[in-house]
Amino acid sequence: MTTFEIREFVAGDTDGALRMWRQTEGIGLSDADRPDRLREFLSRNRGLSYVAVSEEGLIGTILCGTDGRRGYIYHLAVAAEARRSGIGRTLLKAAISAFQRIEIRKCHAFVFESNPFGELFWERSGWQRRDELLVYSKMLDG
């Protein structure tokens, strides 16, 4: 069993998080995940994202934000060597508590269809897969 602590994801954690995400299957990174943009996201959504830290360093993350109506979860990830220790569930519990404190009553998690481990985690955690929704994306000029 891995010993870990959960604390708020702060700007100083971005480099470690990026290193871990790059090594984690099922995590997709984009231009929005540049260190400066992550720091800005964390500042706008203060107190909603968390990291798991052990003696070895950062071993888990949950990146969360809100539009004021709904909560959004991105990059829930646990380092391969630390999985099956309850880290993902503990990070999710911390995020849900943070959303509840600001009266967010519904959350959405984004999971790549090619991430069967992610799908299994969310299903086992009691989350409903929404097949009736499509996500459309577009890069904006400027």
Protein backbone atom coordinates (compact mmCIF):
# COMPACT_ATOMS: atom_id res chain seq x y z
CA MET A 1 0.00 0.00 0.00
CA THR A 2 1.36 3.38 -1.03
CA THR A 3 1.38 6.04 1.68
CA PHE A 4 0.25 9.40 0.32
CA GLU A 5 -1.28 12.73 1.22
CA ILE A 6 -3.81 14.78 -0.73
CA ARG A 7 -3.38 18.54 -1.03
CA GLU A 8 -4.48 21.35 -3.31
CA PHE A 9 -2.96 21.35 -6.80
CA VAL A 10 -0.97 24.61 -6.92
CA ALA A 11 1.01 26.37 -9.64
CA GLY A 12 4.27 24.78 -8.44
CA ASP A 13 2.88 21.33 -9.22
CA THR A 14 2.40 21.92 -12.95
CA ASP A 15 5.79 20.61 -14.12
CA GLY A 16 5.48 17.41 -12.07
CA ALA A 17 1.90 16.91 -13.24
CA LEU A 18 2.90 17.33 -16.88
CA ARG A 19 5.72 14.79 -16.47
CA MET A 20 3.30 12.28 -14.98
CA TRP A 21 0.56 12.93 -17.57
CA ARG A 22 3.02 12.38 -20.42
CA GLN A 23 3.75 8.92 -18.99
CA THR A 24 0.11 8.02 -18.35
CA GLU A 25 -1.82 6.12 -20.98
CA GLY A 26 -5.25 7.54 -21.73
CA ILE A 27 -4.30 11.16 -20.93
CA GLY A 28 -4.47 13.51 -23.89
CA LEU A 29 -2.53 16.76 -23.72
CA SER A 30 -3.01 19.85 -25.84
CA ASP A 31 -1.91 23.46 -26.06
CA ALA A 32 -4.29 24.15 -23.14
CA ASP A 33 -1.94 22.07 -20.96
CA ARG A 34 1.06 24.38 -21.29
CA PRO A 35 2.44 25.31 -17.86
CA ASP A 36 1.32 28.95 -18.12
CA ARG A 37 -2.22 27.95 -19.10
CA LEU A 38 -2.42 25.35 -16.33
CA ARG A 39 -1.34 27.94 -13.77
CA GLU A 40 -4.01 30.32 -15.08
CA PHE A 41 -6.65 27.56 -14.92
CA LEU A 42 -5.69 26.74 -11.32
CA SER A 43 -5.90 30.43 -10.39
CA ARG A 44 -9.41 30.78 -11.90
CA ASN A 45 -10.57 27.55 -10.24
CA ARG A 46 -8.77 27.88 -6.92
CA GLY A 47 -9.37 25.09 -4.42
CA LEU A 48 -10.96 22.62 -6.86
CA SER A 49 -7.96 20.58 -8.07
CA TYR A 50 -5.80 18.23 -6.01
CA VAL A 51 -2.61 16.20 -6.11
CA ALA A 52 -1.53 13.06 -4.31
CA VAL A 53 2.02 13.17 -3.03
CA SER A 54 4.20 10.40 -1.55
CA GLU A 55 7.85 10.21 -0.54
CA GLU A 56 8.63 9.66 -4.24
CA GLY A 57 6.87 12.90 -5.23
CA LEU A 58 3.69 13.61 -7.14
CA ILE A 59 1.80 10.38 -7.85
CA GLY A 60 -1.73 11.53 -8.69
CA THR A 61 -3.75 14.47 -9.94
CA ILE A 62 -7.30 15.63 -10.47
CA LEU A 63 -7.70 18.83 -12.47
CA CYS A 64 -11.13 20.42 -11.95
CA GLY A 65 -12.97 23.56 -12.91
CA THR A 66 -16.44 25.03 -13.06
CA ASP A 67 -18.49 27.36 -15.19
CA GLY A 68 -20.63 28.25 -12.15
CA ARG A 69 -23.31 25.68 -13.05
CA ARG A 70 -21.46 22.43 -13.60
CA GLY A 71 -18.19 20.95 -12.45
CA TYR A 72 -15.71 19.56 -14.97
CA ILE A 73 -13.04 16.97 -14.27
CA TYR A 74 -9.96 16.62 -16.44
CA HIS A 75 -6.78 14.61 -15.96
CA LEU A 76 -7.64 12.33 -13.09
CA ALA A 77 -4.47 10.27 -13.22
CA VAL A 78 -2.45 8.06 -10.91
CA ALA A 79 1.13 7.00 -11.62
CA ALA A 80 1.23 3.36 -12.79
CA GLU A 81 3.31 2.17 -9.83
CA ALA A 82 0.87 3.71 -7.31
CA ARG A 83 -2.42 2.39 -8.70
CA ARG A 84 -4.85 0.20 -6.76
CA SER A 85 -4.03 2.10 -3.54
CA GLY A 86 -7.20 4.20 -3.36
CA ILE A 87 -5.48 7.32 -4.67
CA GLY A 88 -7.92 7.93 -7.54
CA ARG A 89 -10.95 7.49 -5.28
CA THR A 90 -9.44 9.79 -2.65
CA LEU A 91 -8.68 12.49 -5.23
CA LEU A 92 -12.22 12.22 -6.59
CA LYS A 93 -13.71 12.48 -3.10
CA ALA A 94 -11.68 15.66 -2.42
CA ALA A 95 -12.84 17.21 -5.69
CA ILE A 96 -16.48 16.35 -5.09
CA SER A 97 -16.29 17.88 -1.61
CA ALA A 98 -14.80 21.05 -3.10
CA PHE A 99 -17.60 21.25 -5.68
CA GLN A 100 -20.23 20.72 -3.00
CA ARG A 101 -18.75 23.56 -0.89
CA ILE A 102 -19.45 25.96 -3.76
CA GLU A 103 -22.87 24.41 -4.43
CA ILE A 104 -22.06 22.69 -7.70
CA ARG A 105 -24.53 19.81 -7.89
CA LYS A 106 -23.57 18.07 -11.13
CA CYS A 107 -20.20 17.21 -12.63
CA HIS A 108 -18.95 15.88 -15.93
CA ALA A 109 -15.75 13.89 -16.42
CA PHE A 110 -14.00 13.75 -19.77
CA VAL A 111 -12.59 10.32 -20.69
CA PHE A 112 -11.14 9.26 -24.02
CA GLU A 113 -13.04 6.39 -25.59
CA SER A 114 -9.66 4.67 -26.03
CA ASN A 115 -9.09 4.64 -22.24
CA PRO A 116 -10.67 1.42 -20.92
CA PHE A 117 -9.07 1.85 -17.47
CA GLY A 118 -10.63 5.29 -17.20
CA GLU A 119 -14.03 3.99 -18.28
CA LEU A 120 -13.87 1.20 -15.69
CA PHE A 121 -12.84 3.62 -12.91
CA TRP A 122 -15.74 5.99 -13.57
CA GLU A 123 -18.29 3.18 -13.90
CA ARG A 124 -17.10 1.57 -10.65
CA SER A 125 -17.27 4.99 -8.98
CA GLY A 126 -20.99 5.23 -9.79
CA TRP A 127 -20.80 7.71 -12.66
CA GLN A 128 -23.20 7.42 -15.60
CA ARG A 129 -21.83 7.18 -19.12
CA ARG A 130 -23.69 9.61 -21.40
CA ASP A 131 -23.88 8.22 -24.91
CA GLU A 132 -26.54 10.69 -26.02
CA LEU A 133 -24.14 13.66 -25.86
CA LEU A 134 -21.49 14.59 -28.38
CA VAL A 135 -18.62 16.96 -27.76
CA TYR A 136 -17.66 19.35 -30.53
CA SER A 137 -14.39 21.25 -30.44
CA LYS A 138 -12.98 24.09 -32.49
CA MET A 139 -9.75 26.03 -32.25
CA LEU A 140 -10.47 29.75 -31.98
CA ASP A 141 -8.34 32.27 -33.86
CA GLY A 142 -6.27 34.64 -31.79
